[in-house]
N, C-alpha and C. Protein backbone atom coordinates (compact mmCIF):
# COMPACT_ATOMS: atom_id res chain seq x y z
N MET A 1 7.22 -12.37 15.25
CA MET A 1 7.88 -11.08 15.08
C MET A 1 6.97 -9.95 15.56
N LYS A 2 7.55 -8.97 16.21
CA LYS A 2 6.80 -7.81 16.65
C LYS A 2 7.08 -6.64 15.72
N SER A 3 6.08 -5.79 15.55
CA SER A 3 6.26 -4.63 14.68
C SER A 3 5.47 -3.45 15.21
N GLN A 4 6.18 -2.41 15.56
CA GLN A 4 5.52 -1.18 15.97
C GLN A 4 4.73 -0.57 14.82
N VAL A 5 5.24 -0.79 13.60
CA VAL A 5 4.57 -0.25 12.41
C VAL A 5 3.16 -0.83 12.30
N ILE A 6 3.02 -2.14 12.50
CA ILE A 6 1.71 -2.78 12.39
C ILE A 6 0.76 -2.21 13.43
N GLN A 7 1.25 -1.99 14.64
CA GLN A 7 0.39 -1.41 15.67
C GLN A 7 -0.08 -0.01 15.28
N LEU A 8 0.80 0.75 14.66
CA LEU A 8 0.41 2.08 14.22
C LEU A 8 -0.58 2.02 13.07
N LEU A 9 -0.39 1.06 12.17
CA LEU A 9 -1.32 0.91 11.05
C LEU A 9 -2.70 0.49 11.55
N LYS A 10 -2.75 -0.30 12.61
CA LYS A 10 -4.03 -0.66 13.21
C LYS A 10 -4.69 0.55 13.86
N GLN A 11 -3.86 1.44 14.39
CA GLN A 11 -4.36 2.66 15.03
C GLN A 11 -4.90 3.65 14.00
N ARG A 12 -4.31 3.63 12.79
CA ARG A 12 -4.76 4.52 11.72
C ARG A 12 -6.10 4.02 11.16
N ARG A 13 -7.14 4.76 11.42
CA ARG A 13 -8.48 4.41 10.94
C ARG A 13 -9.14 5.65 10.36
N SER A 14 -10.20 5.44 9.62
CA SER A 14 -10.99 6.57 9.12
C SER A 14 -11.85 7.11 10.26
N ILE A 15 -11.52 8.31 10.71
CA ILE A 15 -12.26 8.95 11.81
C ILE A 15 -13.13 10.04 11.21
N TYR A 16 -14.45 9.87 11.38
CA TYR A 16 -15.39 10.84 10.81
C TYR A 16 -15.92 11.82 11.85
N ALA A 17 -15.88 11.43 13.14
CA ALA A 17 -16.33 12.33 14.20
C ALA A 17 -15.12 13.13 14.69
N LEU A 18 -14.90 14.27 14.04
CA LEU A 18 -13.72 15.09 14.33
C LEU A 18 -14.09 16.31 15.17
N GLY A 19 -13.12 16.78 15.95
CA GLY A 19 -13.27 18.02 16.70
C GLY A 19 -12.01 18.85 16.57
N ASP A 20 -12.00 19.98 17.25
CA ASP A 20 -10.83 20.89 17.16
C ASP A 20 -10.03 20.92 18.46
N GLN A 21 -10.22 19.90 19.31
CA GLN A 21 -9.56 19.90 20.61
C GLN A 21 -8.26 19.08 20.58
N VAL A 22 -7.39 19.40 19.68
CA VAL A 22 -6.11 18.69 19.61
C VAL A 22 -5.14 19.27 20.63
N GLN A 23 -4.16 18.47 21.02
CA GLN A 23 -3.19 18.90 22.03
C GLN A 23 -2.01 19.65 21.42
N GLN A 24 -1.79 19.46 20.13
CA GLN A 24 -0.64 20.06 19.46
C GLN A 24 -1.02 21.40 18.83
N SER A 25 -0.02 22.23 18.62
CA SER A 25 -0.24 23.50 17.93
C SER A 25 -0.29 23.28 16.43
N SER A 26 -0.81 24.26 15.71
CA SER A 26 -0.84 24.16 14.26
C SER A 26 0.57 24.06 13.69
N THR A 27 1.52 24.75 14.30
CA THR A 27 2.91 24.67 13.84
C THR A 27 3.47 23.27 14.00
N GLU A 28 3.22 22.65 15.15
CA GLU A 28 3.70 21.28 15.39
C GLU A 28 3.10 20.31 14.41
N ILE A 29 1.83 20.44 14.14
CA ILE A 29 1.16 19.53 13.21
C ILE A 29 1.68 19.74 11.79
N ALA A 30 1.82 21.00 11.38
CA ALA A 30 2.34 21.28 10.04
C ALA A 30 3.74 20.73 9.88
N ASP A 31 4.58 20.88 10.90
CA ASP A 31 5.94 20.35 10.82
C ASP A 31 5.94 18.83 10.71
N LEU A 32 5.05 18.18 11.45
CA LEU A 32 4.93 16.72 11.38
C LEU A 32 4.55 16.27 9.97
N ILE A 33 3.57 16.94 9.40
CA ILE A 33 3.10 16.57 8.06
C ILE A 33 4.20 16.80 7.02
N LYS A 34 4.86 17.94 7.11
CA LYS A 34 5.92 18.25 6.14
C LYS A 34 7.06 17.24 6.21
N GLU A 35 7.50 16.92 7.42
CA GLU A 35 8.62 15.98 7.56
C GLU A 35 8.22 14.57 7.13
N THR A 36 6.99 14.19 7.39
CA THR A 36 6.51 12.87 6.96
C THR A 36 6.52 12.77 5.44
N ILE A 37 6.06 13.80 4.76
CA ILE A 37 6.06 13.78 3.30
C ILE A 37 7.49 13.80 2.76
N ARG A 38 8.37 14.58 3.39
CA ARG A 38 9.78 14.61 2.96
C ARG A 38 10.39 13.21 2.98
N GLN A 39 10.02 12.41 3.97
CA GLN A 39 10.62 11.10 4.15
C GLN A 39 9.88 9.99 3.40
N SER A 40 8.83 10.34 2.67
CA SER A 40 8.07 9.35 1.90
C SER A 40 8.70 9.18 0.52
N PRO A 41 8.86 7.94 0.05
CA PRO A 41 9.57 7.71 -1.21
C PRO A 41 8.75 8.05 -2.45
N THR A 42 9.45 8.44 -3.50
CA THR A 42 8.85 8.63 -4.82
C THR A 42 9.80 8.06 -5.87
N ALA A 43 9.24 7.58 -6.96
CA ALA A 43 10.06 7.00 -8.04
C ALA A 43 11.04 8.03 -8.57
N PHE A 44 12.29 7.60 -8.78
CA PHE A 44 13.35 8.46 -9.29
C PHE A 44 13.61 9.64 -8.34
N ASN A 45 13.21 9.51 -7.09
CA ASN A 45 13.27 10.62 -6.14
C ASN A 45 12.67 11.90 -6.75
N SER A 46 11.57 11.71 -7.46
CA SER A 46 10.97 12.82 -8.21
C SER A 46 10.28 13.85 -7.32
N GLN A 47 9.93 13.45 -6.10
CA GLN A 47 9.33 14.38 -5.13
C GLN A 47 8.13 15.13 -5.74
N THR A 48 7.22 14.37 -6.32
CA THR A 48 6.07 14.95 -7.00
C THR A 48 4.92 15.28 -6.06
N VAL A 49 5.02 14.90 -4.79
CA VAL A 49 3.93 15.15 -3.84
C VAL A 49 3.97 16.60 -3.37
N ARG A 50 2.83 17.25 -3.43
CA ARG A 50 2.66 18.59 -2.90
C ARG A 50 1.55 18.54 -1.85
N ALA A 51 1.63 19.40 -0.85
CA ALA A 51 0.60 19.45 0.19
C ALA A 51 0.32 20.89 0.58
N VAL A 52 -0.94 21.18 0.75
CA VAL A 52 -1.38 22.47 1.29
C VAL A 52 -2.01 22.15 2.64
N ILE A 53 -1.45 22.69 3.71
CA ILE A 53 -1.88 22.38 5.07
C ILE A 53 -2.66 23.58 5.60
N LEU A 54 -3.92 23.37 5.90
CA LEU A 54 -4.84 24.46 6.20
C LEU A 54 -5.41 24.33 7.61
N PHE A 55 -5.54 25.46 8.27
CA PHE A 55 -6.12 25.51 9.61
C PHE A 55 -7.18 26.61 9.66
N GLY A 56 -8.05 26.51 10.67
CA GLY A 56 -9.02 27.57 10.92
C GLY A 56 -9.93 27.87 9.75
N LYS A 57 -10.09 29.17 9.45
CA LYS A 57 -11.01 29.58 8.39
C LYS A 57 -10.57 29.08 7.03
N ALA A 58 -9.26 28.91 6.83
CA ALA A 58 -8.77 28.40 5.55
C ALA A 58 -9.22 26.96 5.35
N SER A 59 -9.16 26.17 6.42
CA SER A 59 -9.65 24.79 6.35
C SER A 59 -11.15 24.77 6.11
N ASP A 60 -11.88 25.62 6.83
CA ASP A 60 -13.34 25.69 6.65
C ASP A 60 -13.69 26.02 5.20
N LYS A 61 -12.87 26.85 4.57
CA LYS A 61 -13.16 27.28 3.20
C LYS A 61 -13.18 26.10 2.24
N VAL A 62 -12.32 25.09 2.49
CA VAL A 62 -12.33 23.90 1.64
C VAL A 62 -13.72 23.27 1.65
N TRP A 63 -14.28 23.13 2.84
CA TRP A 63 -15.56 22.44 2.98
C TRP A 63 -16.72 23.32 2.56
N ASP A 64 -16.55 24.64 2.63
CA ASP A 64 -17.55 25.55 2.05
C ASP A 64 -17.60 25.36 0.53
N ILE A 65 -16.42 25.25 -0.07
CA ILE A 65 -16.35 25.04 -1.52
C ILE A 65 -16.98 23.70 -1.89
N VAL A 66 -16.67 22.66 -1.12
CA VAL A 66 -17.25 21.35 -1.38
C VAL A 66 -18.78 21.42 -1.30
N GLU A 67 -19.27 22.04 -0.23
CA GLU A 67 -20.72 22.11 -0.05
C GLU A 67 -21.39 22.91 -1.16
N ASP A 68 -20.83 24.07 -1.49
CA ASP A 68 -21.41 24.91 -2.55
C ASP A 68 -21.39 24.20 -3.90
N THR A 69 -20.31 23.46 -4.15
CA THR A 69 -20.19 22.74 -5.42
C THR A 69 -21.21 21.61 -5.50
N LEU A 70 -21.34 20.85 -4.43
CA LEU A 70 -22.27 19.71 -4.44
C LEU A 70 -23.72 20.18 -4.44
N ALA A 71 -23.98 21.38 -3.94
CA ALA A 71 -25.34 21.92 -3.98
C ALA A 71 -25.83 22.05 -5.41
N LYS A 72 -24.89 22.25 -6.33
CA LYS A 72 -25.25 22.37 -7.75
C LYS A 72 -25.38 21.01 -8.43
N VAL A 73 -24.87 19.96 -7.77
CA VAL A 73 -24.83 18.63 -8.39
C VAL A 73 -25.89 17.71 -7.81
N VAL A 74 -26.08 17.76 -6.48
CA VAL A 74 -27.03 16.87 -5.81
C VAL A 74 -28.40 17.55 -5.82
N LYS A 75 -29.29 17.06 -6.65
CA LYS A 75 -30.58 17.73 -6.86
C LYS A 75 -31.64 17.31 -5.85
N ASN A 76 -31.51 16.11 -5.27
CA ASN A 76 -32.48 15.62 -4.31
C ASN A 76 -32.26 16.31 -2.96
N PRO A 77 -33.25 17.04 -2.44
CA PRO A 77 -33.08 17.79 -1.18
C PRO A 77 -32.71 16.89 0.01
N ASP A 78 -33.34 15.73 0.11
CA ASP A 78 -33.04 14.82 1.22
C ASP A 78 -31.60 14.30 1.13
N ALA A 79 -31.19 13.97 -0.08
CA ALA A 79 -29.83 13.49 -0.28
C ALA A 79 -28.82 14.59 0.05
N PHE A 80 -29.16 15.83 -0.30
CA PHE A 80 -28.23 16.93 -0.03
C PHE A 80 -28.11 17.20 1.46
N LYS A 81 -29.19 17.01 2.21
CA LYS A 81 -29.12 17.18 3.67
C LYS A 81 -28.11 16.20 4.26
N LYS A 82 -28.10 14.97 3.77
CA LYS A 82 -27.14 13.97 4.23
C LYS A 82 -25.72 14.39 3.84
N THR A 83 -25.61 14.93 2.64
CA THR A 83 -24.31 15.41 2.17
C THR A 83 -23.81 16.55 3.05
N GLN A 84 -24.69 17.48 3.37
CA GLN A 84 -24.33 18.61 4.24
C GLN A 84 -23.86 18.13 5.61
N ALA A 85 -24.57 17.13 6.15
CA ALA A 85 -24.22 16.60 7.47
C ALA A 85 -22.84 15.96 7.44
N LYS A 86 -22.54 15.26 6.35
CA LYS A 86 -21.23 14.63 6.22
C LYS A 86 -20.13 15.69 6.11
N ILE A 87 -20.36 16.70 5.30
CA ILE A 87 -19.37 17.76 5.14
C ILE A 87 -19.15 18.49 6.46
N ALA A 88 -20.20 18.65 7.25
CA ALA A 88 -20.07 19.34 8.54
C ALA A 88 -19.10 18.61 9.47
N THR A 89 -19.04 17.27 9.35
CA THR A 89 -18.10 16.52 10.20
C THR A 89 -16.66 16.82 9.82
N PHE A 90 -16.42 17.08 8.55
CA PHE A 90 -15.06 17.44 8.10
C PHE A 90 -14.72 18.87 8.54
N ARG A 91 -15.68 19.76 8.41
CA ARG A 91 -15.48 21.16 8.79
C ARG A 91 -15.24 21.30 10.29
N ALA A 92 -15.74 20.36 11.07
CA ALA A 92 -15.62 20.42 12.53
C ALA A 92 -14.21 20.11 13.02
N GLY A 93 -13.35 19.63 12.15
CA GLY A 93 -12.00 19.26 12.56
C GLY A 93 -11.11 20.46 12.79
N PHE A 94 -9.84 20.17 13.03
CA PHE A 94 -8.85 21.20 13.34
C PHE A 94 -8.17 21.74 12.08
N GLY A 95 -8.15 20.92 11.04
CA GLY A 95 -7.48 21.35 9.80
C GLY A 95 -7.73 20.39 8.67
N THR A 96 -7.14 20.69 7.53
CA THR A 96 -7.28 19.87 6.32
C THR A 96 -5.97 19.89 5.56
N VAL A 97 -5.58 18.73 5.06
CA VAL A 97 -4.44 18.65 4.16
C VAL A 97 -4.97 18.39 2.75
N LEU A 98 -4.56 19.22 1.82
CA LEU A 98 -4.82 18.97 0.40
C LEU A 98 -3.59 18.28 -0.17
N PHE A 99 -3.79 17.11 -0.75
CA PHE A 99 -2.69 16.39 -1.40
C PHE A 99 -2.78 16.61 -2.90
N LEU A 100 -1.64 17.01 -3.49
CA LEU A 100 -1.60 17.31 -4.92
C LEU A 100 -0.37 16.69 -5.56
N THR A 101 -0.46 16.49 -6.87
CA THR A 101 0.68 15.99 -7.64
C THR A 101 1.22 17.10 -8.53
N GLU A 102 2.54 17.27 -8.53
CA GLU A 102 3.18 18.25 -9.41
C GLU A 102 3.31 17.62 -10.80
N THR A 103 2.35 17.92 -11.68
CA THR A 103 2.30 17.28 -12.99
C THR A 103 3.42 17.76 -13.92
N LYS A 104 3.94 18.94 -13.68
CA LYS A 104 5.05 19.43 -14.51
C LYS A 104 6.24 18.49 -14.39
N THR A 105 6.53 18.06 -13.17
CA THR A 105 7.64 17.12 -12.96
C THR A 105 7.37 15.80 -13.65
N VAL A 106 6.13 15.33 -13.56
CA VAL A 106 5.76 14.07 -14.23
C VAL A 106 6.02 14.17 -15.72
N HIS A 107 5.59 15.26 -16.34
CA HIS A 107 5.75 15.42 -17.79
C HIS A 107 7.23 15.57 -18.16
N GLU A 108 8.00 16.24 -17.33
CA GLU A 108 9.44 16.37 -17.60
C GLU A 108 10.13 15.01 -17.57
N LEU A 109 9.74 14.17 -16.62
CA LEU A 109 10.32 12.82 -16.54
C LEU A 109 9.90 11.97 -17.73
N GLU A 110 8.68 12.15 -18.21
CA GLU A 110 8.23 11.42 -19.39
C GLU A 110 9.10 11.76 -20.60
N GLN A 111 9.48 13.03 -20.70
CA GLN A 111 10.33 13.46 -21.81
C GLN A 111 11.77 12.99 -21.61
N GLN A 112 12.22 13.02 -20.37
CA GLN A 112 13.61 12.69 -20.07
C GLN A 112 13.89 11.20 -20.18
N PHE A 113 12.89 10.38 -19.84
CA PHE A 113 13.05 8.93 -19.85
C PHE A 113 11.92 8.30 -20.65
N PRO A 114 11.98 8.43 -21.99
CA PRO A 114 10.86 7.97 -22.83
C PRO A 114 10.55 6.48 -22.69
N THR A 115 11.55 5.68 -22.35
CA THR A 115 11.32 4.24 -22.18
C THR A 115 10.28 3.97 -21.09
N TYR A 116 10.27 4.83 -20.07
CA TYR A 116 9.36 4.64 -18.94
C TYR A 116 8.20 5.64 -18.94
N ALA A 117 8.02 6.33 -20.06
CA ALA A 117 7.07 7.45 -20.10
C ALA A 117 5.67 7.06 -19.64
N ASP A 118 5.23 5.86 -20.00
CA ASP A 118 3.88 5.44 -19.66
C ASP A 118 3.69 5.16 -18.17
N ASN A 119 4.80 5.12 -17.44
CA ASN A 119 4.72 4.72 -16.03
C ASN A 119 4.73 5.88 -15.04
N PHE A 120 5.20 7.04 -15.45
CA PHE A 120 5.45 8.10 -14.47
C PHE A 120 4.18 8.61 -13.79
N ALA A 121 3.05 8.65 -14.50
CA ALA A 121 1.80 9.07 -13.87
C ALA A 121 1.39 8.05 -12.80
N ASP A 122 1.54 6.77 -13.13
CA ASP A 122 1.22 5.72 -12.15
C ASP A 122 2.16 5.81 -10.95
N TRP A 123 3.44 6.04 -11.21
CA TRP A 123 4.40 6.13 -10.11
C TRP A 123 4.12 7.33 -9.23
N ALA A 124 3.66 8.41 -9.82
CA ALA A 124 3.30 9.59 -9.02
C ALA A 124 2.12 9.28 -8.11
N GLU A 125 1.16 8.50 -8.64
CA GLU A 125 0.03 8.08 -7.81
C GLU A 125 0.48 7.19 -6.66
N GLN A 126 1.44 6.31 -6.94
CA GLN A 126 1.97 5.47 -5.87
C GLN A 126 2.66 6.33 -4.82
N GLY A 127 3.41 7.33 -5.26
CA GLY A 127 4.11 8.21 -4.34
C GLY A 127 3.15 8.98 -3.45
N ILE A 128 2.08 9.50 -4.03
CA ILE A 128 1.15 10.29 -3.22
C ILE A 128 0.36 9.39 -2.29
N GLY A 129 0.08 8.15 -2.75
CA GLY A 129 -0.60 7.20 -1.88
C GLY A 129 0.24 6.85 -0.66
N GLY A 130 1.54 6.64 -0.89
CA GLY A 130 2.43 6.36 0.23
C GLY A 130 2.52 7.52 1.19
N ALA A 131 2.56 8.74 0.65
CA ALA A 131 2.63 9.93 1.50
C ALA A 131 1.35 10.10 2.31
N GLN A 132 0.22 9.82 1.68
CA GLN A 132 -1.06 9.94 2.39
C GLN A 132 -1.12 8.97 3.56
N GLN A 133 -0.74 7.72 3.32
CA GLN A 133 -0.79 6.74 4.41
C GLN A 133 0.20 7.10 5.50
N ALA A 134 1.38 7.58 5.11
CA ALA A 134 2.39 7.96 6.11
C ALA A 134 1.89 9.11 6.98
N VAL A 135 1.32 10.14 6.37
CA VAL A 135 0.79 11.27 7.12
C VAL A 135 -0.35 10.82 8.03
N TRP A 136 -1.24 10.03 7.50
CA TRP A 136 -2.40 9.53 8.24
C TRP A 136 -1.93 8.76 9.48
N THR A 137 -0.91 7.92 9.29
CA THR A 137 -0.38 7.12 10.38
C THR A 137 0.34 7.99 11.41
N ALA A 138 1.10 8.98 10.93
CA ALA A 138 1.80 9.88 11.85
C ALA A 138 0.81 10.68 12.69
N LEU A 139 -0.28 11.11 12.08
CA LEU A 139 -1.32 11.80 12.84
C LEU A 139 -1.94 10.87 13.88
N ALA A 140 -2.24 9.64 13.47
CA ALA A 140 -2.83 8.67 14.39
C ALA A 140 -1.91 8.40 15.58
N GLU A 141 -0.60 8.33 15.32
CA GLU A 141 0.36 8.10 16.39
C GLU A 141 0.27 9.20 17.44
N ASN A 142 -0.14 10.39 17.02
CA ASN A 142 -0.27 11.54 17.92
C ASN A 142 -1.71 11.77 18.36
N ASN A 143 -2.53 10.72 18.22
CA ASN A 143 -3.94 10.76 18.65
C ASN A 143 -4.74 11.84 17.93
N ILE A 144 -4.42 12.04 16.67
CA ILE A 144 -5.18 12.94 15.81
C ILE A 144 -5.89 12.10 14.77
N GLY A 145 -7.20 12.24 14.70
CA GLY A 145 -7.99 11.46 13.76
C GLY A 145 -8.01 12.11 12.39
N ALA A 146 -8.25 11.30 11.37
CA ALA A 146 -8.30 11.81 9.99
C ALA A 146 -9.07 10.84 9.12
N SER A 147 -9.43 11.29 7.95
CA SER A 147 -9.97 10.43 6.89
C SER A 147 -9.49 10.99 5.56
N LEU A 148 -9.66 10.22 4.51
CA LEU A 148 -9.21 10.66 3.18
C LEU A 148 -10.43 10.81 2.28
N GLN A 149 -10.61 12.00 1.73
CA GLN A 149 -11.76 12.31 0.90
C GLN A 149 -11.32 12.64 -0.52
N HIS A 150 -12.26 12.50 -1.45
CA HIS A 150 -11.94 12.72 -2.87
C HIS A 150 -13.09 13.48 -3.55
N TYR A 151 -13.08 14.79 -3.38
CA TYR A 151 -14.08 15.63 -4.05
C TYR A 151 -13.52 16.26 -5.32
N ASN A 152 -12.28 15.97 -5.60
CA ASN A 152 -11.70 16.36 -6.88
C ASN A 152 -12.23 15.41 -7.96
N PRO A 153 -12.38 15.84 -9.20
CA PRO A 153 -12.00 17.15 -9.74
C PRO A 153 -13.10 18.22 -9.66
N LEU A 154 -14.23 17.89 -9.01
CA LEU A 154 -15.33 18.86 -8.98
C LEU A 154 -14.92 20.20 -8.39
N ILE A 155 -14.03 20.17 -7.40
CA ILE A 155 -13.68 21.40 -6.68
C ILE A 155 -12.36 22.02 -7.13
N ASP A 156 -11.71 21.40 -8.10
CA ASP A 156 -10.34 21.79 -8.45
C ASP A 156 -10.19 23.28 -8.77
N ASP A 157 -11.02 23.79 -9.65
CA ASP A 157 -10.85 25.17 -10.11
C ASP A 157 -10.98 26.16 -8.95
N GLU A 158 -12.00 25.95 -8.11
CA GLU A 158 -12.21 26.88 -7.00
C GLU A 158 -11.11 26.77 -5.95
N ILE A 159 -10.64 25.56 -5.70
CA ILE A 159 -9.54 25.37 -4.75
C ILE A 159 -8.29 26.09 -5.24
N HIS A 160 -7.98 25.92 -6.52
CA HIS A 160 -6.80 26.59 -7.08
C HIS A 160 -6.92 28.10 -7.00
N GLN A 161 -8.09 28.60 -7.30
CA GLN A 161 -8.31 30.05 -7.26
C GLN A 161 -8.26 30.58 -5.84
N GLU A 162 -8.90 29.88 -4.91
CA GLU A 162 -8.98 30.33 -3.52
C GLU A 162 -7.61 30.41 -2.86
N PHE A 163 -6.77 29.40 -3.13
CA PHE A 163 -5.49 29.32 -2.43
C PHE A 163 -4.28 29.67 -3.31
N GLY A 164 -4.54 30.14 -4.51
CA GLY A 164 -3.46 30.61 -5.38
C GLY A 164 -2.47 29.52 -5.74
N LEU A 165 -2.97 28.35 -6.13
CA LEU A 165 -2.09 27.21 -6.42
C LEU A 165 -1.67 27.20 -7.88
N PRO A 166 -0.46 26.74 -8.16
CA PRO A 166 -0.01 26.63 -9.56
C PRO A 166 -0.91 25.68 -10.36
N ASP A 167 -1.07 25.97 -11.63
CA ASP A 167 -1.89 25.12 -12.50
C ASP A 167 -1.36 23.69 -12.56
N SER A 168 -0.05 23.54 -12.39
CA SER A 168 0.56 22.21 -12.51
C SER A 168 0.35 21.34 -11.27
N TRP A 169 -0.21 21.89 -10.21
CA TRP A 169 -0.51 21.11 -9.01
C TRP A 169 -1.90 20.51 -9.16
N GLN A 170 -1.98 19.21 -9.34
CA GLN A 170 -3.26 18.54 -9.56
C GLN A 170 -3.78 17.97 -8.24
N LEU A 171 -4.95 18.42 -7.84
CA LEU A 171 -5.54 17.96 -6.58
C LEU A 171 -5.92 16.49 -6.68
N ARG A 172 -5.51 15.70 -5.68
CA ARG A 172 -5.78 14.27 -5.69
C ARG A 172 -6.62 13.82 -4.51
N ALA A 173 -6.56 14.53 -3.37
CA ALA A 173 -7.35 14.11 -2.21
C ALA A 173 -7.35 15.20 -1.16
N GLU A 174 -8.31 15.10 -0.25
CA GLU A 174 -8.44 16.03 0.86
C GLU A 174 -8.49 15.23 2.16
N MET A 175 -7.70 15.62 3.16
CA MET A 175 -7.64 14.90 4.43
C MET A 175 -8.02 15.82 5.59
N PRO A 176 -9.28 15.79 6.02
CA PRO A 176 -9.64 16.53 7.23
C PRO A 176 -9.09 15.81 8.46
N PHE A 177 -8.65 16.58 9.47
CA PHE A 177 -8.09 15.95 10.67
C PHE A 177 -8.47 16.77 11.89
N GLY A 178 -8.42 16.10 13.05
CA GLY A 178 -8.74 16.80 14.29
C GLY A 178 -8.78 15.84 15.46
N SER A 179 -9.33 16.30 16.56
CA SER A 179 -9.46 15.43 17.73
C SER A 179 -10.47 14.33 17.44
N ILE A 180 -10.26 13.19 18.07
CA ILE A 180 -11.13 12.03 17.85
C ILE A 180 -12.30 12.11 18.82
N GLU A 181 -13.47 12.44 18.30
CA GLU A 181 -14.65 12.60 19.13
C GLU A 181 -15.45 11.31 19.27
N ALA A 182 -15.22 10.36 18.39
CA ALA A 182 -15.82 9.03 18.48
C ALA A 182 -14.91 8.08 17.72
N PRO A 183 -14.72 6.86 18.24
CA PRO A 183 -13.80 5.93 17.58
C PRO A 183 -14.36 5.41 16.26
N ALA A 184 -13.48 4.86 15.46
CA ALA A 184 -13.90 4.22 14.20
C ALA A 184 -14.69 2.95 14.51
N GLY A 185 -15.53 2.55 13.60
CA GLY A 185 -16.31 1.32 13.77
C GLY A 185 -15.47 0.08 13.51
N ASP A 186 -16.09 -1.08 13.66
CA ASP A 186 -15.41 -2.33 13.39
C ASP A 186 -15.02 -2.41 11.91
N LYS A 187 -13.93 -3.10 11.67
CA LYS A 187 -13.41 -3.22 10.31
C LYS A 187 -13.34 -4.69 9.92
N GLU A 188 -14.01 -5.04 8.85
CA GLU A 188 -13.98 -6.44 8.39
C GLU A 188 -12.79 -6.67 7.49
N MET A 189 -12.19 -7.83 7.63
CA MET A 189 -11.06 -8.22 6.79
C MET A 189 -11.44 -9.43 5.94
N MET A 190 -11.10 -9.40 4.67
CA MET A 190 -11.37 -10.54 3.82
C MET A 190 -10.44 -11.69 4.19
N ALA A 191 -10.80 -12.89 3.81
CA ALA A 191 -10.03 -14.08 4.15
C ALA A 191 -8.65 -14.03 3.51
N ASP A 192 -7.63 -14.46 4.24
CA ASP A 192 -6.26 -14.43 3.74
C ASP A 192 -6.10 -15.20 2.44
N ASN A 193 -6.80 -16.35 2.30
CA ASN A 193 -6.63 -17.18 1.11
C ASN A 193 -7.20 -16.51 -0.14
N GLU A 194 -8.00 -15.46 0.03
CA GLU A 194 -8.52 -14.71 -1.11
C GLU A 194 -7.61 -13.54 -1.46
N ARG A 195 -6.64 -13.27 -0.60
CA ARG A 195 -5.89 -12.05 -0.74
C ARG A 195 -4.38 -12.28 -0.93
N PHE A 196 -3.88 -13.35 -0.36
CA PHE A 196 -2.44 -13.57 -0.35
C PHE A 196 -2.08 -14.92 -0.94
N LYS A 197 -0.87 -14.98 -1.49
CA LYS A 197 -0.29 -16.24 -1.94
C LYS A 197 1.16 -16.24 -1.48
N VAL A 198 1.50 -17.21 -0.67
CA VAL A 198 2.88 -17.36 -0.18
C VAL A 198 3.48 -18.59 -0.84
N ILE A 199 4.60 -18.39 -1.53
CA ILE A 199 5.25 -19.48 -2.25
C ILE A 199 6.66 -19.65 -1.72
N GLN A 200 7.01 -20.87 -1.31
CA GLN A 200 8.36 -21.12 -0.77
C GLN A 200 9.07 -22.20 -1.57
């Protein structure tokens, strides 16, 4: 069997060498991301995924916040230099997507469907994970590199204040994206017999 989806998933890799030389406009990229998230499934069609799509100085501000925050946490000067170098690769991209969960909706569903109350937070995580992979793959299809970062919750308060986000939007991940300046490295796969079980 052939699958275009599998080829796209193979194309989707963590790209750390990012640049700002993309062929698409910021409007085209934002529209792609928005439509991809719209079409990504969520439990009970709850649509709990939120995204803040940032370009230019707004995108840079995310990584300024990350760097300033980690400067207070990473006490070893040599280790912080490595951290700064890593953050600089994210800042060098064309933009950043902040992925967030609308927790108000999650709590409303917990009240509305008490039988499933313990599951809605997990289902929201599944929904945002699916949206992240879908966006990542859609970007890769258009030759835009990306990676998924997790500096939350350290940066949550400053991110919310900087971009005027509702308190109920919980930051879950940051996705810097841009032109692919160097390909991803080799990827090792674990043995199928350790990972899968097929029963007929």
